[in-house]
Amino acid sequence: MIEVNYKEENKKFAPEEISALVLGSIKTFICKELKVDASTVIDAVVTVPAYFIDSQRVATKHAAEIAGINVLALINEPTAASIAHGLNNMNVSINPSALHCVIVVNDC
């Protein structure tokens, strides 16, 4: 448990709750930047460090669920970097009406 003192009040949080707060804040920020209704963004592919063991992956998925995010898949960061590099080097035009919001989170 992580204990936080905020405005003269002590609160205890599980690590997954802290991660959920971070994931929720990132989702909100990205949706505002892309002018997308946050309530429509419910699915995500989340990256985790390659060295994460199964219990850490489960905890990350649980944190996303607490934040209201349905995890479609957990992928290793090197894989995500390779995908991002490939997408960045593609010379294609994107139809804005078909754009999907993609959020990549490095949850260490």
PDB file of N, CA and C in Angstrom:
ATOM      1  N   MET A   1       0.842  -1.182   0.000  1.00  0.00           N
ATOM      2  CA  MET A   1       0.000   0.000   0.000  1.00  0.00           C
ATOM      3  C   MET A   1       0.889   1.248   0.000  1.00  0.00           C
ATOM      4  N   ILE A   2       0.393   2.274  -0.663  1.00  0.00           N
ATOM      5  CA  ILE A   2       1.075   3.559  -0.724  1.00  0.00           C
ATOM      6  C   ILE A   2       0.228   4.555   0.046  1.00  0.00           C
ATOM      7  N   GLU A   3       0.843   5.194   1.047  1.00  0.00           N
ATOM      8  CA  GLU A   3       0.106   6.144   1.873  1.00  0.00           C
ATOM      9  C   GLU A   3       0.436   7.564   1.425  1.00  0.00           C
ATOM     10  N   VAL A   4      -0.608   8.360   1.226  1.00  0.00           N
ATOM     11  CA  VAL A   4      -0.472   9.732   0.758  1.00  0.00           C
ATOM     12  C   VAL A   4      -1.202  10.651   1.724  1.00  0.00           C
ATOM     13  N   ASN A   5      -0.556  11.759   2.068  1.00  0.00           N
ATOM     14  CA  ASN A   5      -1.190  12.776   2.898  1.00  0.00           C
ATOM     15  C   ASN A   5      -1.540  13.950   1.987  1.00  0.00           C
ATOM     16  N   TYR A   6      -2.822  14.200   1.832  1.00  0.00           N
ATOM     17  CA  TYR A   6      -3.295  15.273   0.960  1.00  0.00           C
ATOM     18  C   TYR A   6      -4.353  16.064   1.697  1.00  0.00           C
ATOM     19  N   LYS A   7      -4.119  17.368   1.862  1.00  0.00           N
ATOM     20  CA  LYS A   7      -5.044  18.261   2.561  1.00  0.00           C
ATOM     21  C   LYS A   7      -5.389  17.718   3.953  1.00  0.00           C
ATOM     22  N   GLU A   8      -4.334  17.393   4.697  1.00  0.00           N
ATOM     23  CA  GLU A   8      -4.497  16.939   6.086  1.00  0.00           C
ATOM     24  C   GLU A   8      -5.236  15.605   6.202  1.00  0.00           C
ATOM     25  N   GLU A   9      -5.323  14.860   5.127  1.00  0.00           N
ATOM     26  CA  GLU A   9      -6.023  13.579   5.148  1.00  0.00           C
ATOM     27  C   GLU A   9      -5.098  12.493   4.615  1.00  0.00           C
ATOM     28  N   ASN A  10      -4.979  11.394   5.340  1.00  0.00           N
ATOM     29  CA  ASN A  10      -4.179  10.266   4.888  1.00  0.00           C
ATOM     30  C   ASN A  10      -5.052   9.297   4.096  1.00  0.00           C
ATOM     31  N   LYS A  11      -4.539   8.898   2.948  1.00  0.00           N
ATOM     32  CA  LYS A  11      -5.234   7.913   2.132  1.00  0.00           C
ATOM     33  C   LYS A  11      -4.241   6.829   1.751  1.00  0.00           C
ATOM     34  N   LYS A  12      -4.744   5.613   1.654  1.00  0.00           N
ATOM     35  CA  LYS A  12      -3.913   4.486   1.240  1.00  0.00           C
ATOM     36  C   LYS A  12      -4.379   3.992  -0.122  1.00  0.00           C
ATOM     37  N   PHE A  13      -3.406   3.753  -0.994  1.00  0.00           N
ATOM     38  CA  PHE A  13      -3.701   3.284  -2.339  1.00  0.00           C
ATOM     39  C   PHE A  13      -2.888   2.024  -2.630  1.00  0.00           C
ATOM     40  N   ALA A  14      -3.500   1.111  -3.351  1.00  0.00           N
ATOM     41  CA  ALA A  14      -2.772  -0.039  -3.884  1.00  0.00           C
ATOM     42  C   ALA A  14      -2.000   0.450  -5.117  1.00  0.00           C
ATOM     43  N   PRO A  15      -0.887  -0.192  -5.453  1.00  0.00           N
ATOM     44  CA  PRO A  15      -0.133   0.228  -6.646  1.00  0.00           C
ATOM     45  C   PRO A  15      -0.998   0.287  -7.910  1.00  0.00           C
ATOM     46  N   GLU A  16      -1.952  -0.652  -8.038  1.00  0.00           N
ATOM     47  CA  GLU A  16      -2.825  -0.645  -9.215  1.00  0.00           C
ATOM     48  C   GLU A  16      -3.689   0.606  -9.265  1.00  0.00           C
ATOM     49  N   GLU A  17      -4.080   1.119  -8.100  1.00  0.00           N
ATOM     50  CA  GLU A  17      -4.893   2.333  -8.062  1.00  0.00           C
ATOM     51  C   GLU A  17      -4.087   3.540  -8.526  1.00  0.00           C
ATOM     52  N   ILE A  18      -2.809   3.595  -8.150  1.00  0.00           N
ATOM     53  CA  ILE A  18      -1.946   4.687  -8.607  1.00  0.00           C
ATOM     54  C   ILE A  18      -1.775   4.609 -10.121  1.00  0.00           C
ATOM     55  N   SER A  19      -1.504   3.409 -10.621  1.00  0.00           N
ATOM     56  CA  SER A  19      -1.381   3.231 -12.077  1.00  0.00           C
ATOM     57  C   SER A  19      -2.678   3.585 -12.785  1.00  0.00           C
ATOM     58  N   ALA A  20      -3.810   3.255 -12.187  1.00  0.00           N
ATOM     59  CA  ALA A  20      -5.110   3.588 -12.782  1.00  0.00           C
ATOM     60  C   ALA A  20      -5.293   5.095 -12.875  1.00  0.00           C
ATOM     61  N   LEU A  21      -4.866   5.815 -11.851  1.00  0.00           N
ATOM     62  CA  LEU A  21      -4.959   7.280 -11.888  1.00  0.00           C
ATOM     63  C   LEU A  21      -4.098   7.851 -13.012  1.00  0.00           C
ATOM     64  N   VAL A  22      -2.904   7.285 -13.173  1.00  0.00           N
ATOM     65  CA  VAL A  22      -2.010   7.742 -14.245  1.00  0.00           C
ATOM     66  C   VAL A  22      -2.611   7.435 -15.609  1.00  0.00           C
ATOM     67  N   LEU A  23      -3.091   6.211 -15.800  1.00  0.00           N
ATOM     68  CA  LEU A  23      -3.686   5.831 -17.079  1.00  0.00           C
ATOM     69  C   LEU A  23      -4.913   6.682 -17.402  1.00  0.00           C
ATOM     70  N   GLY A  24      -5.748   6.936 -16.399  1.00  0.00           N
ATOM     71  CA  GLY A  24      -6.931   7.773 -16.611  1.00  0.00           C
ATOM     72  C   GLY A  24      -6.558   9.197 -16.983  1.00  0.00           C
ATOM     73  N   SER A  25      -5.522   9.737 -16.340  1.00  0.00           N
ATOM     74  CA  SER A  25      -5.070  11.098 -16.657  1.00  0.00           C
ATOM     75  C   SER A  25      -4.506  11.178 -18.074  1.00  0.00           C
ATOM     76  N   ILE A  26      -3.745  10.165 -18.453  1.00  0.00           N
ATOM     77  CA  ILE A  26      -3.186  10.140 -19.816  1.00  0.00           C
ATOM     78  C   ILE A  26      -4.309  10.051 -20.845  1.00  0.00           C
ATOM     79  N   LYS A  27      -5.282   9.202 -20.576  1.00  0.00           N
ATOM     80  CA  LYS A  27      -6.427   9.062 -21.489  1.00  0.00           C
ATOM     81  C   LYS A  27      -7.147  10.397 -21.644  1.00  0.00           C
ATOM     82  N   THR A  28      -7.410  11.066 -20.530  1.00  0.00           N
ATOM     83  CA  THR A  28      -8.097  12.364 -20.563  1.00  0.00           C
ATOM     84  C   THR A  28      -7.299  13.394 -21.351  1.00  0.00           C
ATOM     85  N   PHE A  29      -5.993  13.457 -21.087  1.00  0.00           N
ATOM     86  CA  PHE A  29      -5.133  14.426 -21.774  1.00  0.00           C
ATOM     87  C   PHE A  29      -5.112  14.183 -23.282  1.00  0.00           C
ATOM     88  N   ILE A  30      -4.894  12.932 -23.671  1.00  0.00           N
ATOM     89  CA  ILE A  30      -4.818  12.602 -25.102  1.00  0.00           C
ATOM     90  C   ILE A  30      -6.144  12.895 -25.800  1.00  0.00           C
ATOM     91  N   CYS A  31      -7.247  12.551 -25.157  1.00  0.00           N
ATOM     92  CA  CYS A  31      -8.557  12.793 -25.767  1.00  0.00           C
ATOM     93  C   CYS A  31      -8.808  14.288 -25.952  1.00  0.00           C
ATOM     94  N   LYS A  32      -8.387  15.092 -24.989  1.00  0.00           N
ATOM     95  CA  LYS A  32      -8.531  16.546 -25.136  1.00  0.00           C
ATOM     96  C   LYS A  32      -7.682  17.060 -26.288  1.00  0.00           C
ATOM     97  N   GLU A  33      -6.453  16.563 -26.381  1.00  0.00           N
ATOM     98  CA  GLU A  33      -5.551  16.999 -27.452  1.00  0.00           C
ATOM     99  C   GLU A  33      -6.095  16.628 -28.828  1.00  0.00           C
ATOM    100  N   LEU A  34      -6.690  15.447 -28.924  1.00  0.00           N
ATOM    101  CA  LEU A  34      -7.210  14.981 -30.212  1.00  0.00           C
ATOM    102  C   LEU A  34      -8.664  15.374 -30.445  1.00  0.00           C
ATOM    103  N   LYS A  35      -9.229  16.087 -29.450  1.00  0.00           N
ATOM    104  CA  LYS A  35     -10.632  16.516 -29.526  1.00  0.00           C
ATOM    105  C   LYS A  35     -11.562  15.324 -29.758  1.00  0.00           C
ATOM    106  N   VAL A  36     -11.358  14.302 -28.929  1.00  0.00           N
ATOM    107  CA  VAL A  36     -12.151  13.073 -28.979  1.00  0.00           C
ATOM    108  C   VAL A  36     -12.884  12.938 -27.654  1.00  0.00           C
ATOM    109  N   ASP A  37     -14.135  12.508 -27.703  1.00  0.00           N
ATOM    110  CA  ASP A  37     -14.902  12.282 -26.487  1.00  0.00           C
ATOM    111  C   ASP A  37     -14.298  11.101 -25.732  1.00  0.00           C
ATOM    112  N   ALA A  38     -13.833  11.352 -24.498  1.00  0.00           N
ATOM    113  CA  ALA A  38     -13.157  10.327 -23.706  1.00  0.00           C
ATOM    114  C   ALA A  38     -14.043   9.108 -23.452  1.00  0.00           C
ATOM    115  N   SER A  39     -15.349   9.310 -23.429  1.00  0.00           N
ATOM    116  CA  SER A  39     -16.239   8.172 -23.167  1.00  0.00           C
ATOM    117  C   SER A  39     -16.265   7.185 -24.331  1.00  0.00           C
ATOM    118  N   THR A  40     -15.823   7.607 -25.510  1.00  0.00           N
ATOM    119  CA  THR A  40     -15.802   6.703 -26.664  1.00  0.00           C
ATOM    120  C   THR A  40     -14.511   5.899 -26.735  1.00  0.00           C
ATOM    121  N   VAL A  41     -13.507   6.295 -25.971  1.00  0.00           N
ATOM    122  CA  VAL A  41     -12.230   5.579 -25.970  1.00  0.00           C
ATOM    123  C   VAL A  41     -12.252   4.604 -24.802  1.00  0.00           C
ATOM    124  N   ILE A  42     -12.516   3.345 -25.120  1.00  0.00           N
ATOM    125  CA  ILE A  42     -12.613   2.345 -24.051  1.00  0.00           C
ATOM    126  C   ILE A  42     -11.642   1.188 -24.246  1.00  0.00           C
ATOM    127  N   ASP A  43     -11.151   1.000 -25.446  1.00  0.00           N
ATOM    128  CA  ASP A  43     -10.237  -0.100 -25.746  1.00  0.00           C
ATOM    129  C   ASP A  43      -8.826   0.433 -25.945  1.00  0.00           C
ATOM    130  N   ALA A  44      -7.841  -0.340 -25.504  1.00  0.00           N
ATOM    131  CA  ALA A  44      -6.451   0.081 -25.673  1.00  0.00           C
ATOM    132  C   ALA A  44      -5.533  -1.135 -25.721  1.00  0.00           C
ATOM    133  N   VAL A  45      -4.423  -0.936 -26.389  1.00  0.00           N
ATOM    134  CA  VAL A  45      -3.315  -1.879 -26.336  1.00  0.00           C
ATOM    135  C   VAL A  45      -2.276  -1.196 -25.459  1.00  0.00           C
ATOM    136  N   VAL A  46      -1.874  -1.857 -24.384  1.00  0.00           N
ATOM    137  CA  VAL A  46      -0.985  -1.262 -23.393  1.00  0.00           C
ATOM    138  C   VAL A  46       0.390  -1.914 -23.485  1.00  0.00           C
ATOM    139  N   THR A  47       1.426  -1.097 -23.418  1.00  0.00           N
ATOM    140  CA  THR A  47       2.784  -1.626 -23.434  1.00  0.00           C
ATOM    141  C   THR A  47       3.285  -1.830 -22.014  1.00  0.00           C
ATOM    142  N   VAL A  48       4.113  -2.840 -21.864  1.00  0.00           N
ATOM    143  CA  VAL A  48       4.765  -3.114 -20.585  1.00  0.00           C
ATOM    144  C   VAL A  48       6.232  -3.429 -20.868  1.00  0.00           C
ATOM    145  N   PRO A  49       7.094  -3.193 -19.868  1.00  0.00           N
ATOM    146  CA  PRO A  49       8.503  -3.573 -20.063  1.00  0.00           C
ATOM    147  C   PRO A  49       8.627  -5.063 -20.360  1.00  0.00           C
ATOM    148  N   ALA A  50       9.591  -5.411 -21.184  1.00  0.00           N
ATOM    149  CA  ALA A  50       9.770  -6.804 -21.593  1.00  0.00           C
ATOM    150  C   ALA A  50      10.075  -7.716 -20.404  1.00  0.00           C
ATOM    151  N   TYR A  51      10.665  -7.156 -19.355  1.00  0.00           N
ATOM    152  CA  TYR A  51      11.040  -7.970 -18.202  1.00  0.00           C
ATOM    153  C   TYR A  51       9.901  -8.185 -17.205  1.00  0.00           C
ATOM    154  N   PHE A  52       8.714  -7.606 -17.443  1.00  0.00           N
ATOM    155  CA  PHE A  52       7.588  -7.792 -16.526  1.00  0.00           C
ATOM    156  C   PHE A  52       7.219  -9.268 -16.454  1.00  0.00           C
ATOM    157  N   ILE A  53       7.028  -9.743 -15.224  1.00  0.00           N
ATOM    158  CA  ILE A  53       6.554 -11.111 -15.035  1.00  0.00           C
ATOM    159  C   ILE A  53       5.026 -11.109 -15.087  1.00  0.00           C
ATOM    160  N   ASP A  54       4.444 -12.302 -15.078  1.00  0.00           N
ATOM    161  CA  ASP A  54       3.002 -12.427 -15.262  1.00  0.00           C
ATOM    162  C   ASP A  54       2.209 -11.617 -14.239  1.00  0.00           C
ATOM    163  N   SER A  55       2.604 -11.618 -12.976  1.00  0.00           N
ATOM    164  CA  SER A  55       1.843 -10.887 -11.957  1.00  0.00           C
ATOM    165  C   SER A  55       1.862  -9.381 -12.212  1.00  0.00           C
ATOM    166  N   GLN A  56       2.968  -8.863 -12.747  1.00  0.00           N
ATOM    167  CA  GLN A  56       3.040  -7.436 -13.073  1.00  0.00           C
ATOM    168  C   GLN A  56       2.163  -7.105 -14.282  1.00  0.00           C
ATOM    169  N   ARG A  57       2.088  -8.015 -15.221  1.00  0.00           N
ATOM    170  CA  ARG A  57       1.222  -7.823 -16.384  1.00  0.00           C
ATOM    171  C   ARG A  57      -0.257  -7.841 -15.961  1.00  0.00           C
ATOM    172  N   VAL A  58      -0.598  -8.758 -15.063  1.00  0.00           N
ATOM    173  CA  VAL A  58      -1.971  -8.830 -14.555  1.00  0.00           C
ATOM    174  C   VAL A  58      -2.313  -7.550 -13.799  1.00  0.00           C
ATOM    175  N   ALA A  59      -1.373  -7.054 -12.987  1.00  0.00           N
ATOM    176  CA  ALA A  59      -1.599  -5.817 -12.225  1.00  0.00           C
ATOM    177  C   ALA A  59      -1.795  -4.624 -13.160  1.00  0.00           C
ATOM    178  N   THR A  60      -1.026  -4.576 -14.254  1.00  0.00           N
ATOM    179  CA  THR A  60      -1.170  -3.490 -15.228  1.00  0.00           C
ATOM    180  C   THR A  60      -2.533  -3.556 -15.905  1.00  0.00           C
ATOM    181  N   LYS A  61      -2.954  -4.753 -16.256  1.00  0.00           N
ATOM    182  CA  LYS A  61      -4.277  -4.922 -16.877  1.00  0.00           C
ATOM    183  C   LYS A  61      -5.376  -4.529 -15.892  1.00  0.00           C
ATOM    184  N   HIS A  62      -5.222  -4.897 -14.629  1.00  0.00           N
ATOM    185  CA  HIS A  62      -6.203  -4.538 -13.601  1.00  0.00           C
ATOM    186  C   HIS A  62      -6.267  -3.016 -13.426  1.00  0.00           C
ATOM    187  N   ALA A  63      -5.115  -2.355 -13.452  1.00  0.00           N
ATOM    188  CA  ALA A  63      -5.074  -0.889 -13.334  1.00  0.00           C
ATOM    189  C   ALA A  63      -5.839  -0.237 -14.481  1.00  0.00           C
ATOM    190  N   ALA A  64      -5.673  -0.756 -15.674  1.00  0.00           N
ATOM    191  CA  ALA A  64      -6.402  -0.206 -16.828  1.00  0.00           C
ATOM    192  C   ALA A  64      -7.899  -0.408 -16.654  1.00  0.00           C
ATOM    193  N   GLU A  65      -8.305  -1.557 -16.146  1.00  0.00           N
ATOM    194  CA  GLU A  65      -9.728  -1.815 -15.915  1.00  0.00           C
ATOM    195  C   GLU A  65     -10.300  -0.856 -14.876  1.00  0.00           C
ATOM    196  N   ILE A  66      -9.528  -0.573 -13.818  1.00  0.00           N
ATOM    197  CA  ILE A  66      -9.958   0.396 -12.809  1.00  0.00           C
ATOM    198  C   ILE A  66     -10.173   1.758 -13.463  1.00  0.00           C
ATOM    199  N   ALA A  67      -9.317   2.092 -14.427  1.00  0.00           N
ATOM    200  CA  ALA A  67      -9.407   3.378 -15.128  1.00  0.00           C
ATOM    201  C   ALA A  67     -10.498   3.387 -16.192  1.00  0.00           C
ATOM    202  N   GLY A  68     -11.206   2.274 -16.355  1.00  0.00           N
ATOM    203  CA  GLY A  68     -12.275   2.210 -17.349  1.00  0.00           C
ATOM    204  C   GLY A  68     -11.781   1.924 -18.751  1.00  0.00           C
ATOM    205  N   ILE A  69     -10.634   1.283 -18.845  1.00  0.00           N
ATOM    206  CA  ILE A  69     -10.037   0.967 -20.143  1.00  0.00           C
ATOM    207  C   ILE A  69     -10.043  -0.550 -20.318  1.00  0.00           C
ATOM    208  N   ASN A  70     -10.580  -1.021 -21.431  1.00  0.00           N
ATOM    209  CA  ASN A  70     -10.575  -2.435 -21.768  1.00  0.00           C
ATOM    210  C   ASN A  70      -9.275  -2.737 -22.503  1.00  0.00           C
ATOM    211  N   VAL A  71      -8.446  -3.588 -21.924  1.00  0.00           N
ATOM    212  CA  VAL A  71      -7.152  -3.915 -22.526  1.00  0.00           C
ATOM    213  C   VAL A  71      -7.353  -4.999 -23.577  1.00  0.00           C
ATOM    214  N   LEU A  72      -7.091  -4.626 -24.821  1.00  0.00           N
ATOM    215  CA  LEU A  72      -7.191  -5.591 -25.918  1.00  0.00           C
ATOM    216  C   LEU A  72      -5.986  -6.515 -25.924  1.00  0.00           C
ATOM    217  N   ALA A  73      -4.819  -5.953 -25.569  1.00  0.00           N
ATOM    218  CA  ALA A  73      -3.588  -6.751 -25.524  1.00  0.00           C
ATOM    219  C   ALA A  73      -2.536  -6.007 -24.726  1.00  0.00           C
ATOM    220  N   LEU A  74      -1.646  -6.759 -24.126  1.00  0.00           N
ATOM    221  CA  LEU A  74      -0.444  -6.215 -23.512  1.00  0.00           C
ATOM    222  C   LEU A  74       0.713  -6.611 -24.418  1.00  0.00           C
ATOM    223  N   ILE A  75       1.509  -5.635 -24.830  1.00  0.00           N
ATOM    224  CA  ILE A  75       2.661  -5.958 -25.676  1.00  0.00           C
ATOM    225  C   ILE A  75       3.926  -5.395 -25.050  1.00  0.00           C
ATOM    226  N   ASN A  76       5.038  -6.053 -25.341  1.00  0.00           N
ATOM    227  CA  ASN A  76       6.320  -5.600 -24.831  1.00  0.00           C
ATOM    228  C   ASN A  76       6.735  -4.292 -25.495  1.00  0.00           C
ATOM    229  N   GLU A  77       7.436  -3.467 -24.733  1.00  0.00           N
ATOM    230  CA  GLU A  77       7.859  -2.164 -25.251  1.00  0.00           C
ATOM    231  C   GLU A  77       8.699  -2.265 -26.524  1.00  0.00           C
ATOM    232  N   PRO A  78       9.652  -3.207 -26.626  1.00  0.00           N
ATOM    233  CA  PRO A  78      10.407  -3.282 -27.885  1.00  0.00           C
ATOM    234  C   PRO A  78       9.501  -3.540 -29.093  1.00  0.00           C
ATOM    235  N   THR A  79       8.473  -4.335 -28.889  1.00  0.00           N
ATOM    236  CA  THR A  79       7.515  -4.600 -29.968  1.00  0.00           C
ATOM    237  C   THR A  79       6.775  -3.321 -30.331  1.00  0.00           C
ATOM    238  N   ALA A  80       6.327  -2.577 -29.311  1.00  0.00           N
ATOM    239  CA  ALA A  80       5.620  -1.318 -29.556  1.00  0.00           C
ATOM    240  C   ALA A  80       6.519  -0.321 -30.279  1.00  0.00           C
ATOM    241  N   ALA A  81       7.789  -0.274 -29.892  1.00  0.00           N
ATOM    242  CA  ALA A  81       8.732   0.645 -30.548  1.00  0.00           C
ATOM    243  C   ALA A  81       8.901   0.275 -32.018  1.00  0.00           C
ATOM    244  N   SER A  82       8.967  -1.015 -32.298  1.00  0.00           N
ATOM    245  CA  SER A  82       9.099  -1.463 -33.687  1.00  0.00           C
ATOM    246  C   SER A  82       7.871  -1.101 -34.501  1.00  0.00           C
ATOM    247  N   ILE A  83       6.702  -1.299 -33.922  1.00  0.00           N
ATOM    248  CA  ILE A  83       5.452  -0.949 -34.611  1.00  0.00           C
ATOM    249  C   ILE A  83       5.397   0.548 -34.867  1.00  0.00           C
ATOM    250  N   ALA A  84       5.725   1.351 -33.838  1.00  0.00           N
ATOM    251  CA  ALA A  84       5.704   2.811 -33.987  1.00  0.00           C
ATOM    252  C   ALA A  84       6.688   3.261 -35.054  1.00  0.00           C
ATOM    253  N   HIS A  85       7.865   2.656 -35.070  1.00  0.00           N
ATOM    254  CA  HIS A  85       8.865   3.006 -36.089  1.00  0.00           C
ATOM    255  C   HIS A  85       8.348   2.689 -37.486  1.00  0.00           C
ATOM    256  N   GLY A  86       7.738   1.515 -37.628  1.00  0.00           N
ATOM    257  CA  GLY A  86       7.195   1.136 -38.931  1.00  0.00           C
ATOM    258  C   GLY A  86       6.075   2.061 -39.379  1.00  0.00           C
ATOM    259  N   LEU A  87       5.177   2.417 -38.452  1.00  0.00           N
ATOM    260  CA  LEU A  87       4.080   3.322 -38.797  1.00  0.00           C
ATOM    261  C   LEU A  87       4.598   4.709 -39.144  1.00  0.00           C
ATOM    262  N   ASN A  88       5.632   5.141 -38.428  1.00  0.00           N
ATOM    263  CA  ASN A  88       6.208   6.459 -38.671  1.00  0.00           C
ATOM    264  C   ASN A  88       6.861   6.551 -40.044  1.00  0.00           C
ATOM    265  N   ASN A  89       7.386   5.441 -40.531  1.00  0.00           N
ATOM    266  CA  ASN A  89       8.088   5.428 -41.818  1.00  0.00           C
ATOM    267  C   ASN A  89       7.182   5.104 -43.004  1.00  0.00           C
ATOM    268  N   MET A  90       5.917   4.825 -42.729  1.00  0.00           N
ATOM    269  CA  MET A  90       4.985   4.545 -43.820  1.00  0.00           C
ATOM    270  C   MET A  90       4.591   5.854 -44.485  1.00  0.00           C
ATOM    271  N   ASN A  91       4.535   5.844 -45.771  1.00  0.00           N
ATOM    272  CA  ASN A  91       4.171   7.043 -46.521  1.00  0.00           C
ATOM    273  C   ASN A  91       2.731   6.884 -47.000  1.00  0.00           C
ATOM    274  N   VAL A  92       1.783   7.052 -46.059  1.00  0.00           N
ATOM    275  CA  VAL A  92       0.377   6.896 -46.399  1.00  0.00           C
ATOM    276  C   VAL A  92      -0.388   8.121 -45.911  1.00  0.00           C
ATOM    277  N   SER A  93      -1.493   8.390 -46.570  1.00  0.00           N
ATOM    278  CA  SER A  93      -2.359   9.466 -46.091  1.00  0.00           C
ATOM    279  C   SER A  93      -3.453   8.836 -45.243  1.00  0.00           C
ATOM    280  N   ILE A  94      -3.889   9.581 -44.229  1.00  0.00           N
ATOM    281  CA  ILE A  94      -4.897   9.071 -43.297  1.00  0.00           C
ATOM    282  C   ILE A  94      -6.170   9.884 -43.458  1.00  0.00           C
ATOM    283  N   ASN A  95      -7.278   9.188 -43.600  1.00  0.00           N
ATOM    284  CA  ASN A  95      -8.576   9.826 -43.662  1.00  0.00           C
ATOM    285  C   ASN A  95      -8.967  10.210 -42.231  1.00  0.00           C
ATOM    286  N   PRO A  96      -9.067  11.516 -41.906  1.00  0.00           N
ATOM    287  CA  PRO A  96      -9.368  11.930 -40.529  1.00  0.00           C
ATOM    288  C   PRO A  96     -10.662  11.339 -39.975  1.00  0.00           C
ATOM    289  N   SER A  97     -11.645  11.076 -40.826  1.00  0.00           N
ATOM    290  CA  SER A  97     -12.906  10.523 -40.327  1.00  0.00           C
ATOM    291  C   SER A  97     -12.761   9.058 -39.910  1.00  0.00           C
ATOM    292  N   ALA A  98     -11.699   8.408 -40.366  1.00  0.00           N
ATOM    293  CA  ALA A  98     -11.466   7.008 -40.018  1.00  0.00           C
ATOM    294  C   ALA A  98     -10.383   6.861 -38.953  1.00  0.00           C
ATOM    295  N   LEU A  99      -9.947   7.984 -38.396  1.00  0.00           N
ATOM    296  CA  LEU A  99      -8.850   7.969 -37.426  1.00  0.00           C
ATOM    297  C   LEU A  99      -9.291   7.333 -36.117  1.00  0.00           C
ATOM    298  N   HIS A 100      -8.457   6.455 -35.625  1.00  0.00           N
ATOM    299  CA  HIS A 100      -8.670   5.838 -34.321  1.00  0.00           C
ATOM    300  C   HIS A 100      -7.646   6.409 -33.356  1.00  0.00           C
ATOM    301  N   CYS A 101      -8.053   6.627 -32.135  1.00  0.00           N
ATOM    302  CA  CYS A 101      -7.152   7.163 -31.118  1.00  0.00           C
ATOM    303  C   CYS A 101      -6.282   6.028 -30.593  1.00  0.00           C
ATOM    304  N   VAL A 102      -4.973   6.195 -30.684  1.00  0.00           N
ATOM    305  CA  VAL A 102      -4.042   5.201 -30.178  1.00  0.00           C
ATOM    306  C   VAL A 102      -3.226   5.848 -29.063  1.00  0.00           C
ATOM    307  N   ILE A 103      -3.282   5.252 -27.882  1.00  0.00           N
ATOM    308  CA  ILE A 103      -2.523   5.763 -26.752  1.00  0.00           C
ATOM    309  C   ILE A 103      -1.508   4.714 -26.354  1.00  0.00           C
ATOM    310  N   VAL A 104      -0.245   5.094 -26.359  1.00  0.00           N
ATOM    311  CA  VAL A 104       0.824   4.193 -25.937  1.00  0.00           C
ATOM    312  C   VAL A 104       1.322   4.683 -24.594  1.00  0.00           C
ATOM    313  N   VAL A 105       1.269   3.830 -23.600  1.00  0.00           N
ATOM    314  CA  VAL A 105       1.660   4.191 -22.245  1.00  0.00           C
ATOM    315  C   VAL A 105       2.820   3.335 -21.807  1.00  0.00           C
ATOM    316  N   ASN A 106       3.869   3.981 -21.333  1.00  0.00           N
ATOM    317  CA  ASN A 106       4.994   3.276 -20.761  1.00  0.00           C
ATOM    318  C   ASN A 106       4.758   3.177 -19.268  1.00  0.00           C
ATOM    319  N   ASP A 107       4.222   2.059 -18.828  1.00  0.00           N
ATOM    320  CA  ASP A 107       3.836   1.871 -17.424  1.00  0.00           C
ATOM    321  C   ASP A 107       4.921   1.099 -16.696  1.00  0.00           C
ATOM    322  N   CYS A 108       5.865   1.820 -16.126  1.00  0.00           N
ATOM    323  CA  CYS A 108       6.996   1.163 -15.437  1.00  0.00           C
ATOM    324  C   CYS A 108       6.679   0.910 -13.984  1.00  0.00           C
TER     325      CYS A 108
END
